[in-house]
Amino acid sequence: MIDFGSNLWASSTFSLFIGVLLGAFYFAGLWWTVRQLGRSQYTAGLFLLSLLVRICVVVMTFYVFLGHDWRQLLLGLLGFFVMRLFATRCIELKNTQALAPATLSAKEAASQQRKP
């Protein structure tokens, strides 16, 4: 609904920004939902309600803000998927650091072996 006229840079930046914001909303909501599943009695209901809310917000926002031009929609989807890659990388990094045992360098290991 926002008309940028012939300003390609403004419309492209806006589309990417909307896509990144929607990706942040969607994946933060997913992260929150997964964390709440262990505490809830109604896990299936919580998951389905969260899924429906997240999907409805994302689809409606894409339609309202980016639905009038396929190029803007494509850039919005690109921003959404960039946020998806960012979220999955952060989760992989966090899991790797949490699961990997603390390793000592060869110098530290040798100095600990010498101590009585």
PDB file of N, CA and C in Angstrom:
ATOM      1  N   MET A   1       0.795  -1.191   0.000  1.00  0.00           N
ATOM      2  CA  MET A   1       0.000   0.000   0.000  1.00  0.00           C
ATOM      3  C   MET A   1       0.847   1.268   0.000  1.00  0.00           C
ATOM      4  N   ILE A   2       2.138   1.111   0.248  1.00  0.00           N
ATOM      5  CA  ILE A   2       3.028   2.268   0.194  1.00  0.00           C
ATOM      6  C   ILE A   2       3.528   2.390  -1.238  1.00  0.00           C
ATOM      7  N   ASP A   3       3.377   3.574  -1.816  1.00  0.00           N
ATOM      8  CA  ASP A   3       3.778   3.790  -3.203  1.00  0.00           C
ATOM      9  C   ASP A   3       5.093   4.570  -3.228  1.00  0.00           C
ATOM     10  N   PHE A   4       6.129   3.919  -3.729  1.00  0.00           N
ATOM     11  CA  PHE A   4       7.427   4.572  -3.838  1.00  0.00           C
ATOM     12  C   PHE A   4       7.638   5.187  -5.212  1.00  0.00           C
ATOM     13  N   GLY A   5       6.651   5.067  -6.056  1.00  0.00           N
ATOM     14  CA  GLY A   5       6.769   5.608  -7.397  1.00  0.00           C
ATOM     15  C   GLY A   5       7.811   4.843  -8.199  1.00  0.00           C
ATOM     16  N   SER A   6       8.729   5.563  -8.799  1.00  0.00           N
ATOM     17  CA  SER A   6       9.766   4.924  -9.597  1.00  0.00           C
ATOM     18  C   SER A   6      11.079   4.778  -8.832  1.00  0.00           C
ATOM     19  N   ASN A   7      11.069   5.014  -7.530  1.00  0.00           N
ATOM     20  CA  ASN A   7      12.275   4.898  -6.723  1.00  0.00           C
ATOM     21  C   ASN A   7      12.542   3.423  -6.425  1.00  0.00           C
ATOM     22  N   LEU A   8      13.406   2.820  -7.227  1.00  0.00           N
ATOM     23  CA  LEU A   8      13.695   1.395  -7.121  1.00  0.00           C
ATOM     24  C   LEU A   8      14.431   1.057  -5.838  1.00  0.00           C
ATOM     25  N   TRP A   9      15.365   1.902  -5.416  1.00  0.00           N
ATOM     26  CA  TRP A   9      16.150   1.633  -4.204  1.00  0.00           C
ATOM     27  C   TRP A   9      15.265   1.645  -2.964  1.00  0.00           C
ATOM     28  N   ALA A  10      14.374   2.592  -2.871  1.00  0.00           N
ATOM     29  CA  ALA A  10      13.507   2.680  -1.693  1.00  0.00           C
ATOM     30  C   ALA A  10      12.569   1.483  -1.623  1.00  0.00           C
ATOM     31  N   SER A  11      11.984   1.104  -2.743  1.00  0.00           N
ATOM     32  CA  SER A  11      11.060  -0.033  -2.722  1.00  0.00           C
ATOM     33  C   SER A  11      11.796  -1.340  -2.447  1.00  0.00           C
ATOM     34  N   SER A  12      13.006  -1.484  -2.990  1.00  0.00           N
ATOM     35  CA  SER A  12      13.790  -2.702  -2.743  1.00  0.00           C
ATOM     36  C   SER A  12      14.215  -2.796  -1.286  1.00  0.00           C
ATOM     37  N   THR A  13      14.676  -1.691  -0.733  1.00  0.00           N
ATOM     38  CA  THR A  13      15.091  -1.674   0.668  1.00  0.00           C
ATOM     39  C   THR A  13      13.906  -1.951   1.583  1.00  0.00           C
ATOM     40  N   PHE A  14      12.776  -1.342   1.279  1.00  0.00           N
ATOM     41  CA  PHE A  14      11.573  -1.567   2.066  1.00  0.00           C
ATOM     42  C   PHE A  14      11.154  -3.035   2.013  1.00  0.00           C
ATOM     43  N   SER A  15      11.205  -3.631   0.836  1.00  0.00           N
ATOM     44  CA  SER A  15      10.799  -5.026   0.676  1.00  0.00           C
ATOM     45  C   SER A  15      11.715  -5.959   1.465  1.00  0.00           C
ATOM     46  N   LEU A  16      13.014  -5.733   1.364  1.00  0.00           N
ATOM     47  CA  LEU A  16      13.955  -6.557   2.130  1.00  0.00           C
ATOM     48  C   LEU A  16      13.748  -6.379   3.627  1.00  0.00           C
ATOM     49  N   PHE A  17      13.519  -5.143   4.059  1.00  0.00           N
ATOM     50  CA  PHE A  17      13.304  -4.861   5.467  1.00  0.00           C
ATOM     51  C   PHE A  17      12.055  -5.556   5.991  1.00  0.00           C
ATOM     52  N   ILE A  18      10.971  -5.505   5.232  1.00  0.00           N
ATOM     53  CA  ILE A  18       9.738  -6.186   5.630  1.00  0.00           C
ATOM     54  C   ILE A  18       9.981  -7.691   5.705  1.00  0.00           C
ATOM     55  N   GLY A  19      10.710  -8.246   4.734  1.00  0.00           N
ATOM     56  CA  GLY A  19      11.011  -9.679   4.756  1.00  0.00           C
ATOM     57  C   GLY A  19      11.833 -10.084   5.965  1.00  0.00           C
ATOM     58  N   VAL A  20      12.834  -9.279   6.309  1.00  0.00           N
ATOM     59  CA  VAL A  20      13.664  -9.581   7.479  1.00  0.00           C
ATOM     60  C   VAL A  20      12.841  -9.470   8.758  1.00  0.00           C
ATOM     61  N   LEU A  21      12.006  -8.439   8.860  1.00  0.00           N
ATOM     62  CA  LEU A  21      11.163  -8.301  10.048  1.00  0.00           C
ATOM     63  C   LEU A  21      10.193  -9.479  10.191  1.00  0.00           C
ATOM     64  N   LEU A  22       9.601  -9.885   9.081  1.00  0.00           N
ATOM     65  CA  LEU A  22       8.681 -11.017   9.143  1.00  0.00           C
ATOM     66  C   LEU A  22       9.411 -12.314   9.489  1.00  0.00           C
ATOM     67  N   GLY A  23      10.610 -12.473   8.955  1.00  0.00           N
ATOM     68  CA  GLY A  23      11.407 -13.646   9.307  1.00  0.00           C
ATOM     69  C   GLY A  23      11.766 -13.656  10.784  1.00  0.00           C
ATOM     70  N   ALA A  24      12.137 -12.485  11.315  1.00  0.00           N
ATOM     71  CA  ALA A  24      12.457 -12.387  12.741  1.00  0.00           C
ATOM     72  C   ALA A  24      11.221 -12.716  13.581  1.00  0.00           C
ATOM     73  N   PHE A  25      10.072 -12.187  13.186  1.00  0.00           N
ATOM     74  CA  PHE A  25       8.825 -12.477  13.906  1.00  0.00           C
ATOM     75  C   PHE A  25       8.510 -13.965  13.867  1.00  0.00           C
ATOM     76  N   TYR A  26       8.584 -14.567  12.684  1.00  0.00           N
ATOM     77  CA  TYR A  26       8.209 -15.966  12.519  1.00  0.00           C
ATOM     78  C   TYR A  26       9.131 -16.886  13.315  1.00  0.00           C
ATOM     79  N   PHE A  27      10.431 -16.702  13.180  1.00  0.00           N
ATOM     80  CA  PHE A  27      11.360 -17.622  13.822  1.00  0.00           C
ATOM     81  C   PHE A  27      11.526 -17.346  15.309  1.00  0.00           C
ATOM     82  N   ALA A  28      11.338 -16.112  15.743  1.00  0.00           N
ATOM     83  CA  ALA A  28      11.318 -15.841  17.190  1.00  0.00           C
ATOM     84  C   ALA A  28      10.070 -16.464  17.806  1.00  0.00           C
ATOM     85  N   GLY A  29       8.951 -16.392  17.107  1.00  0.00           N
ATOM     86  CA  GLY A  29       7.735 -17.041  17.584  1.00  0.00           C
ATOM     87  C   GLY A  29       7.880 -18.550  17.640  1.00  0.00           C
ATOM     88  N   LEU A  30       8.537 -19.122  16.653  1.00  0.00           N
ATOM     89  CA  LEU A  30       8.785 -20.565  16.650  1.00  0.00           C
ATOM     90  C   LEU A  30       9.689 -20.948  17.814  1.00  0.00           C
ATOM     91  N   TRP A  31      10.734 -20.161  18.041  1.00  0.00           N
ATOM     92  CA  TRP A  31      11.660 -20.431  19.144  1.00  0.00           C
ATOM     93  C   TRP A  31      10.917 -20.360  20.484  1.00  0.00           C
ATOM     94  N   TRP A  32      10.082 -19.330  20.660  1.00  0.00           N
ATOM     95  CA  TRP A  32       9.320 -19.197  21.894  1.00  0.00           C
ATOM     96  C   TRP A  32       8.376 -20.384  22.082  1.00  0.00           C
ATOM     97  N   THR A  33       7.714 -20.782  21.016  1.00  0.00           N
ATOM     98  CA  THR A  33       6.767 -21.894  21.090  1.00  0.00           C
ATOM     99  C   THR A  33       7.461 -23.182  21.493  1.00  0.00           C
ATOM    100  N   VAL A  34       8.588 -23.465  20.889  1.00  0.00           N
ATOM    101  CA  VAL A  34       9.312 -24.702  21.200  1.00  0.00           C
ATOM    102  C   VAL A  34       9.766 -24.701  22.658  1.00  0.00           C
ATOM    103  N   ARG A  35      10.186 -23.545  23.156  1.00  0.00           N
ATOM    104  CA  ARG A  35      10.600 -23.460  24.561  1.00  0.00           C
ATOM    105  C   ARG A  35       9.415 -23.649  25.510  1.00  0.00           C
ATOM    106  N   GLN A  36       8.218 -23.253  25.111  1.00  0.00           N
ATOM    107  CA  GLN A  36       7.039 -23.375  25.962  1.00  0.00           C
ATOM    108  C   GLN A  36       6.401 -24.761  25.905  1.00  0.00           C
ATOM    109  N   LEU A  37       6.731 -25.568  24.915  1.00  0.00           N
ATOM    110  CA  LEU A  37       6.082 -26.867  24.755  1.00  0.00           C
ATOM    111  C   LEU A  37       6.327 -27.782  25.943  1.00  0.00           C
ATOM    112  N   GLY A  38       7.499 -27.725  26.545  1.00  0.00           N
ATOM    113  CA  GLY A  38       7.802 -28.579  27.688  1.00  0.00           C
ATOM    114  C   GLY A  38       7.034 -28.196  28.935  1.00  0.00           C
ATOM    115  N   ARG A  39       6.583 -26.974  29.029  1.00  0.00           N
ATOM    116  CA  ARG A  39       5.886 -26.482  30.219  1.00  0.00           C
ATOM    117  C   ARG A  39       4.366 -26.543  30.089  1.00  0.00           C
ATOM    118  N   SER A  40       3.870 -26.799  28.901  1.00  0.00           N
ATOM    119  CA  SER A  40       2.437 -26.717  28.654  1.00  0.00           C
ATOM    120  C   SER A  40       1.783 -28.096  28.716  1.00  0.00           C
ATOM    121  N   GLN A  41       0.545 -28.117  29.198  1.00  0.00           N
ATOM    122  CA  GLN A  41      -0.242 -29.348  29.177  1.00  0.00           C
ATOM    123  C   GLN A  41      -0.810 -29.599  27.787  1.00  0.00           C
ATOM    124  N   TYR A  42      -1.044 -28.543  27.054  1.00  0.00           N
ATOM    125  CA  TYR A  42      -1.691 -28.624  25.744  1.00  0.00           C
ATOM    126  C   TYR A  42      -0.675 -28.368  24.645  1.00  0.00           C
ATOM    127  N   THR A  43       0.250 -29.284  24.467  1.00  0.00           N
ATOM    128  CA  THR A  43       1.339 -29.051  23.521  1.00  0.00           C
ATOM    129  C   THR A  43       0.841 -28.952  22.079  1.00  0.00           C
ATOM    130  N   ALA A  44      -0.065 -29.845  21.695  1.00  0.00           N
ATOM    131  CA  ALA A  44      -0.567 -29.821  20.314  1.00  0.00           C
ATOM    132  C   ALA A  44      -1.344 -28.539  20.044  1.00  0.00           C
ATOM    133  N   GLY A  45      -2.173 -28.145  20.979  1.00  0.00           N
ATOM    134  CA  GLY A  45      -2.944 -26.910  20.807  1.00  0.00           C
ATOM    135  C   GLY A  45      -2.052 -25.677  20.744  1.00  0.00           C
ATOM    136  N   LEU A  46      -1.058 -25.629  21.625  1.00  0.00           N
ATOM    137  CA  LEU A  46      -0.124 -24.498  21.619  1.00  0.00           C
ATOM    138  C   LEU A  46       0.633 -24.429  20.305  1.00  0.00           C
ATOM    139  N   PHE A  47       1.106 -25.579  19.853  1.00  0.00           N
ATOM    140  CA  PHE A  47       1.868 -25.598  18.606  1.00  0.00           C
ATOM    141  C   PHE A  47       1.002 -25.183  17.420  1.00  0.00           C
ATOM    142  N   LEU A  48      -0.208 -25.722  17.337  1.00  0.00           N
ATOM    143  CA  LEU A  48      -1.088 -25.390  16.209  1.00  0.00           C
ATOM    144  C   LEU A  48      -1.529 -23.932  16.234  1.00  0.00           C
ATOM    145  N   LEU A  49      -1.863 -23.419  17.416  1.00  0.00           N
ATOM    146  CA  LEU A  49      -2.260 -22.024  17.519  1.00  0.00           C
ATOM    147  C   LEU A  49      -1.104 -21.095  17.138  1.00  0.00           C
ATOM    148  N   SER A  50       0.082 -21.408  17.624  1.00  0.00           N
ATOM    149  CA  SER A  50       1.250 -20.595  17.279  1.00  0.00           C
ATOM    150  C   SER A  50       1.530 -20.644  15.779  1.00  0.00           C
ATOM    151  N   LEU A  51       1.423 -21.827  15.205  1.00  0.00           N
ATOM    152  CA  LEU A  51       1.644 -21.985  13.770  1.00  0.00           C
ATOM    153  C   LEU A  51       0.644 -21.161  12.963  1.00  0.00           C
ATOM    154  N   LEU A  52      -0.617 -21.245  13.336  1.00  0.00           N
ATOM    155  CA  LEU A  52      -1.650 -20.490  12.616  1.00  0.00           C
ATOM    156  C   LEU A  52      -1.445 -18.981  12.742  1.00  0.00           C
ATOM    157  N   VAL A  53      -1.133 -18.508  13.936  1.00  0.00           N
ATOM    158  CA  VAL A  53      -0.915 -17.075  14.137  1.00  0.00           C
ATOM    159  C   VAL A  53       0.287 -16.599  13.336  1.00  0.00           C
ATOM    160  N   ARG A  54       1.387 -17.344  13.419  1.00  0.00           N
ATOM    161  CA  ARG A  54       2.593 -16.930  12.698  1.00  0.00           C
ATOM    162  C   ARG A  54       2.372 -16.925  11.189  1.00  0.00           C
ATOM    163  N   ILE A  55       1.743 -17.964  10.674  1.00  0.00           N
ATOM    164  CA  ILE A  55       1.508 -18.038   9.228  1.00  0.00           C
ATOM    165  C   ILE A  55       0.545 -16.946   8.774  1.00  0.00           C
ATOM    166  N   CYS A  56      -0.527 -16.726   9.526  1.00  0.00           N
ATOM    167  CA  CYS A  56      -1.496 -15.685   9.146  1.00  0.00           C
ATOM    168  C   CYS A  56      -0.855 -14.306   9.128  1.00  0.00           C
ATOM    169  N   VAL A  57      -0.075 -13.993  10.144  1.00  0.00           N
ATOM    170  CA  VAL A  57       0.574 -12.673  10.190  1.00  0.00           C
ATOM    171  C   VAL A  57       1.532 -12.513   9.023  1.00  0.00           C
ATOM    172  N   VAL A  58       2.335 -13.533   8.751  1.00  0.00           N
ATOM    173  CA  VAL A  58       3.324 -13.432   7.671  1.00  0.00           C
ATOM    174  C   VAL A  58       2.640 -13.312   6.310  1.00  0.00           C
ATOM    175  N   VAL A  59       1.672 -14.160   6.032  1.00  0.00           N
ATOM    176  CA  VAL A  59       1.012 -14.133   4.720  1.00  0.00           C
ATOM    177  C   VAL A  59       0.241 -12.831   4.515  1.00  0.00           C
ATOM    178  N   MET A  60      -0.483 -12.386   5.556  1.00  0.00           N
ATOM    179  CA  MET A  60      -1.248 -11.149   5.411  1.00  0.00           C
ATOM    180  C   MET A  60      -0.325  -9.945   5.223  1.00  0.00           C
ATOM    181  N   THR A  61       0.779  -9.915   5.943  1.00  0.00           N
ATOM    182  CA  THR A  61       1.703  -8.793   5.801  1.00  0.00           C
ATOM    183  C   THR A  61       2.358  -8.798   4.427  1.00  0.00           C
ATOM    184  N   PHE A  62       2.748  -9.973   3.952  1.00  0.00           N
ATOM    185  CA  PHE A  62       3.294 -10.044   2.594  1.00  0.00           C
ATOM    186  C   PHE A  62       2.258  -9.550   1.580  1.00  0.00           C
ATOM    187  N   TYR A  63       1.021  -9.951   1.751  1.00  0.00           N
ATOM    188  CA  TYR A  63      -0.030  -9.556   0.810  1.00  0.00           C
ATOM    189  C   TYR A  63      -0.284  -8.048   0.853  1.00  0.00           C
ATOM    190  N   VAL A  64      -0.392  -7.496   2.052  1.00  0.00           N
ATOM    191  CA  VAL A  64      -0.737  -6.081   2.190  1.00  0.00           C
ATOM    192  C   VAL A  64       0.403  -5.178   1.731  1.00  0.00           C
ATOM    193  N   PHE A  65       1.617  -5.460   2.164  1.00  0.00           N
ATOM    194  CA  PHE A  65       2.724  -4.555   1.881  1.00  0.00           C
ATOM    195  C   PHE A  65       3.453  -4.855   0.575  1.00  0.00           C
ATOM    196  N   LEU A  66       3.511  -6.128   0.188  1.00  0.00           N
ATOM    197  CA  LEU A  66       4.342  -6.484  -0.966  1.00  0.00           C
ATOM    198  C   LEU A  66       3.569  -7.174  -2.082  1.00  0.00           C
ATOM    199  N   GLY A  67       2.273  -7.297  -1.966  1.00  0.00           N
ATOM    200  CA  GLY A  67       1.491  -8.074  -2.911  1.00  0.00           C
ATOM    201  C   GLY A  67       1.207  -7.415  -4.239  1.00  0.00           C
ATOM    202  N   HIS A  68       1.504  -6.151  -4.403  1.00  0.00           N
ATOM    203  CA  HIS A  68       1.131  -5.488  -5.650  1.00  0.00           C
ATOM    204  C   HIS A  68       2.210  -5.570  -6.731  1.00  0.00           C
ATOM    205  N   ASP A  69       3.396  -6.055  -6.392  1.00  0.00           N
ATOM    206  CA  ASP A  69       4.464  -6.188  -7.385  1.00  0.00           C
ATOM    207  C   ASP A  69       5.247  -7.463  -7.102  1.00  0.00           C
ATOM    208  N   TRP A  70       5.441  -8.288  -8.097  1.00  0.00           N
ATOM    209  CA  TRP A  70       6.109  -9.564  -7.889  1.00  0.00           C
ATOM    210  C   TRP A  70       7.569  -9.383  -7.503  1.00  0.00           C
ATOM    211  N   ARG A  71       8.207  -8.287  -7.950  1.00  0.00           N
ATOM    212  CA  ARG A  71       9.608  -8.063  -7.588  1.00  0.00           C
ATOM    213  C   ARG A  71       9.752  -7.728  -6.111  1.00  0.00           C
ATOM    214  N   GLN A  72       8.806  -6.934  -5.598  1.00  0.00           N
ATOM    215  CA  GLN A  72       8.844  -6.625  -4.173  1.00  0.00           C
ATOM    216  C   GLN A  72       8.572  -7.878  -3.339  1.00  0.00           C
ATOM    217  N   LEU A  73       7.640  -8.694  -3.800  1.00  0.00           N
ATOM    218  CA  LEU A  73       7.337  -9.935  -3.103  1.00  0.00           C
ATOM    219  C   LEU A  73       8.559 -10.858  -3.094  1.00  0.00           C
ATOM    220  N   LEU A  74       9.248 -10.944  -4.207  1.00  0.00           N
ATOM    221  CA  LEU A  74      10.446 -11.772  -4.289  1.00  0.00           C
ATOM    222  C   LEU A  74      11.547 -11.266  -3.360  1.00  0.00           C
ATOM    223  N   LEU A  75      11.737  -9.950  -3.301  1.00  0.00           N
ATOM    224  CA  LEU A  75      12.734  -9.390  -2.381  1.00  0.00           C
ATOM    225  C   LEU A  75      12.327  -9.596  -0.925  1.00  0.00           C
ATOM    226  N   GLY A  76      11.045  -9.514  -0.636  1.00  0.00           N
ATOM    227  CA  GLY A  76      10.572  -9.794   0.717  1.00  0.00           C
ATOM    228  C   GLY A  76      10.833 -11.238   1.114  1.00  0.00           C
ATOM    229  N   LEU A  77      10.596 -12.154   0.188  1.00  0.00           N
ATOM    230  CA  LEU A  77      10.889 -13.561   0.456  1.00  0.00           C
ATOM    231  C   LEU A  77      12.382 -13.788   0.640  1.00  0.00           C
ATOM    232  N   LEU A  78      13.196 -13.066  -0.113  1.00  0.00           N
ATOM    233  CA  LEU A  78      14.639 -13.163   0.061  1.00  0.00           C
ATOM    234  C   LEU A  78      15.041 -12.712   1.466  1.00  0.00           C
ATOM    235  N   GLY A  79      14.486 -11.606   1.937  1.00  0.00           N
ATOM    236  CA  GLY A  79      14.763 -11.150   3.294  1.00  0.00           C
ATOM    237  C   GLY A  79      14.311 -12.156   4.336  1.00  0.00           C
ATOM    238  N   PHE A  80      13.154 -12.788   4.108  1.00  0.00           N
ATOM    239  CA  PHE A  80      12.639 -13.813   5.018  1.00  0.00           C
ATOM    240  C   PHE A  80      13.606 -14.990   5.095  1.00  0.00           C
ATOM    241  N   PHE A  81      14.096 -15.442   3.947  1.00  0.00           N
ATOM    242  CA  PHE A  81      15.004 -16.584   3.935  1.00  0.00           C
ATOM    243  C   PHE A  81      16.386 -16.235   4.464  1.00  0.00           C
ATOM    244  N   VAL A  82      16.808 -14.992   4.312  1.00  0.00           N
ATOM    245  CA  VAL A  82      18.064 -14.564   4.932  1.00  0.00           C
ATOM    246  C   VAL A  82      17.928 -14.661   6.451  1.00  0.00           C
ATOM    247  N   MET A  83      16.797 -14.255   6.971  1.00  0.00           N
ATOM    248  CA  MET A  83      16.564 -14.365   8.409  1.00  0.00           C
ATOM    249  C   MET A  83      16.502 -15.826   8.831  1.00  0.00           C
ATOM    250  N   ARG A  84      15.962 -16.679   7.992  1.00  0.00           N
ATOM    251  CA  ARG A  84      15.933 -18.117   8.295  1.00  0.00           C
ATOM    252  C   ARG A  84      17.349 -18.667   8.395  1.00  0.00           C
ATOM    253  N   LEU A  85      18.199 -18.302   7.454  1.00  0.00           N
ATOM    254  CA  LEU A  85      19.590 -18.751   7.510  1.00  0.00           C
ATOM    255  C   LEU A  85      20.285 -18.235   8.768  1.00  0.00           C
ATOM    256  N   PHE A  86      20.042 -16.985   9.109  1.00  0.00           N
ATOM    257  CA  PHE A  86      20.631 -16.409  10.309  1.00  0.00           C
ATOM    258  C   PHE A  86      20.166 -17.159  11.554  1.00  0.00           C
ATOM    259  N   ALA A  87      18.875 -17.459  11.640  1.00  0.00           N
ATOM    260  CA  ALA A  87      18.330 -18.156  12.809  1.00  0.00           C
ATOM    261  C   ALA A  87      18.905 -19.560  12.928  1.00  0.00           C
ATOM    262  N   THR A  88      18.991 -20.284  11.820  1.00  0.00           N
ATOM    263  CA  THR A  88      19.525 -21.644  11.892  1.00  0.00           C
ATOM    264  C   THR A  88      21.006 -21.644  12.219  1.00  0.00           C
ATOM    265  N   ARG A  89      21.759 -20.678  11.731  1.00  0.00           N
ATOM    266  CA  ARG A  89      23.181 -20.588  12.079  1.00  0.00           C
ATOM    267  C   ARG A  89      23.372 -20.290  13.555  1.00  0.00           C
ATOM    268  N   CYS A  90      22.551 -19.394  14.096  1.00  0.00           N
ATOM    269  CA  CYS A  90      22.647 -19.073  15.528  1.00  0.00           C
ATOM    270  C   CYS A  90      22.330 -20.293  16.374  1.00  0.00           C
ATOM    271  N   ILE A  91      21.322 -21.066  15.980  1.00  0.00           N
ATOM    272  CA  ILE A  91      20.955 -22.261  16.742  1.00  0.00           C
ATOM    273  C   ILE A  91      22.059 -23.308  16.637  1.00  0.00           C
ATOM    274  N   GLU A  92      22.628 -23.496  15.452  1.00  0.00           N
ATOM    275  CA  GLU A  92      23.719 -24.454  15.302  1.00  0.00           C
ATOM    276  C   GLU A  92      24.917 -24.053  16.145  1.00  0.00           C
ATOM    277  N   LEU A  93      25.253 -22.774  16.136  1.00  0.00           N
ATOM    278  CA  LEU A  93      26.372 -22.286  16.942  1.00  0.00           C
ATOM    279  C   LEU A  93      26.119 -22.511  18.419  1.00  0.00           C
ATOM    280  N   LYS A  94      24.925 -22.204  18.878  1.00  0.00           N
ATOM    281  CA  LYS A  94      24.585 -22.360  20.281  1.00  0.00           C
ATOM    282  C   LYS A  94      24.635 -23.827  20.689  1.00  0.00           C
ATOM    283  N   ASN A  95      24.086 -24.713  19.862  1.00  0.00           N
ATOM    284  CA  ASN A  95      24.093 -26.138  20.170  1.00  0.00           C
ATOM    285  C   ASN A  95      25.501 -26.706  20.132  1.00  0.00           C
ATOM    286  N   THR A  96      26.316 -26.263  19.218  1.00  0.00           N
ATOM    287  CA  THR A  96      27.685 -26.754  19.121  1.00  0.00           C
ATOM    288  C   THR A  96      28.474 -26.350  20.355  1.00  0.00           C
ATOM    289  N   GLN A  97      28.313 -25.123  20.802  1.00  0.00           N
ATOM    290  CA  GLN A  97      29.031 -24.652  21.981  1.00  0.00           C
ATOM    291  C   GLN A  97      28.526 -25.330  23.239  1.00  0.00           C
ATOM    292  N   ALA A  98      27.245 -25.636  23.306  1.00  0.00           N
ATOM    293  CA  ALA A  98      26.681 -26.258  24.498  1.00  0.00           C
ATOM    294  C   ALA A  98      27.044 -27.737  24.588  1.00  0.00           C
ATOM    295  N   LEU A  99      27.169 -28.405  23.451  1.00  0.00           N
ATOM    296  CA  LEU A  99      27.423 -29.833  23.447  1.00  0.00           C
ATOM    297  C   LEU A  99      28.905 -30.184  23.421  1.00  0.00           C
ATOM    298  N   ALA A 100      29.738 -29.315  22.886  1.00  0.00           N
ATOM    299  CA  ALA A 100      31.159 -29.625  22.762  1.00  0.00           C
ATOM    300  C   ALA A 100      31.828 -29.504  24.123  1.00  0.00           C
ATOM    301  N   PRO A 101      32.611 -30.520  24.507  1.00  0.00           N
ATOM    302  CA  PRO A 101      33.323 -30.420  25.781  1.00  0.00           C
ATOM    303  C   PRO A 101      34.444 -29.389  25.665  1.00  0.00           C
ATOM    304  N   ALA A 102      34.801 -28.846  26.786  1.00  0.00           N
ATOM    305  CA  ALA A 102      35.890 -27.866  26.797  1.00  0.00           C
ATOM    306  C   ALA A 102      37.183 -28.597  26.484  1.00  0.00           C
ATOM    307  N   THR A 103      37.865 -28.153  25.474  1.00  0.00           N
ATOM    308  CA  THR A 103      39.122 -28.792  25.088  1.00  0.00           C
ATOM    309  C   THR A 103      40.278 -27.921  25.529  1.00  0.00           C
ATOM    310  N   LEU A 104      41.320 -28.568  25.940  1.00  0.00           N
ATOM    311  CA  LEU A 104      42.510 -27.867  26.370  1.00  0.00           C
ATOM    312  C   LEU A 104      43.537 -27.883  25.245  1.00  0.00           C
ATOM    313  N   SER A 105      44.311 -26.844  25.194  1.00  0.00           N
ATOM    314  CA  SER A 105      45.399 -26.851  24.231  1.00  0.00           C
ATOM    315  C   SER A 105      46.473 -27.824  24.723  1.00  0.00           C
ATOM    316  N   ALA A 106      47.376 -28.197  23.848  1.00  0.00           N
ATOM    317  CA  ALA A 106      48.436 -29.146  24.215  1.00  0.00           C
ATOM    318  C   ALA A 106      49.291 -28.585  25.346  1.00  0.00           C
ATOM    319  N   LYS A 107      49.523 -27.303  25.329  1.00  0.00           N
ATOM    320  CA  LYS A 107      50.341 -26.665  26.359  1.00  0.00           C
ATOM    321  C   LYS A 107      49.639 -26.719  27.718  1.00  0.00           C
ATOM    322  N   GLU A 108      48.340 -26.437  27.751  1.00  0.00           N
ATOM    323  CA  GLU A 108      47.570 -26.475  28.996  1.00  0.00           C
ATOM    324  C   GLU A 108      47.462 -27.902  29.528  1.00  0.00           C
ATOM    325  N   ALA A 109      47.268 -28.875  28.645  1.00  0.00           N
ATOM    326  CA  ALA A 109      47.163 -30.277  29.059  1.00  0.00           C
ATOM    327  C   ALA A 109      48.480 -30.758  29.660  1.00  0.00           C
ATOM    328  N   ALA A 110      49.597 -30.369  29.041  1.00  0.00           N
ATOM    329  CA  ALA A 110      50.911 -30.777  29.564  1.00  0.00           C
ATOM    330  C   ALA A 110      51.169 -30.144  30.930  1.00  0.00           C
ATOM    331  N   SER A 111      50.783 -28.890  31.108  1.00  0.00           N
ATOM    332  CA  SER A 111      51.010 -28.249  32.397  1.00  0.00           C
ATOM    333  C   SER A 111      50.130 -28.849  33.480  1.00  0.00           C
ATOM    334  N   GLN A 112      48.930 -29.315  33.161  1.00  0.00           N
ATOM    335  CA  GLN A 112      48.075 -29.944  34.149  1.00  0.00           C
ATOM    336  C   GLN A 112      48.560 -31.332  34.521  1.00  0.00           C
ATOM    337  N   GLN A 113      49.206 -32.028  33.591  1.00  0.00           N
ATOM    338  CA  GLN A 113      49.720 -33.364  33.887  1.00  0.00           C
ATOM    339  C   GLN A 113      50.930 -33.291  34.825  1.00  0.00           C
ATOM    340  N   ARG A 114      51.705 -32.226  34.782  1.00  0.00           N
ATOM    341  CA  ARG A 114      52.881 -32.069  35.621  1.00  0.00           C
ATOM    342  C   ARG A 114      52.519 -31.748  37.070  1.00  0.00           C
ATOM    343  N   LYS A 115      51.380 -31.137  37.284  1.00  0.00           N
ATOM    344  CA  LYS A 115      50.982 -30.769  38.636  1.00  0.00           C
ATOM    345  C   LYS A 115      50.613 -32.019  39.429  1.00  0.00           C
ATOM    346  N   PRO A 116      51.085 -32.106  40.701  1.00  0.00           N
ATOM    347  CA  PRO A 116      50.801 -33.304  41.509  1.00  0.00           C
ATOM    348  C   PRO A 116      49.384 -33.349  41.995  1.00  0.00           C
TER     349      PRO A 116
END
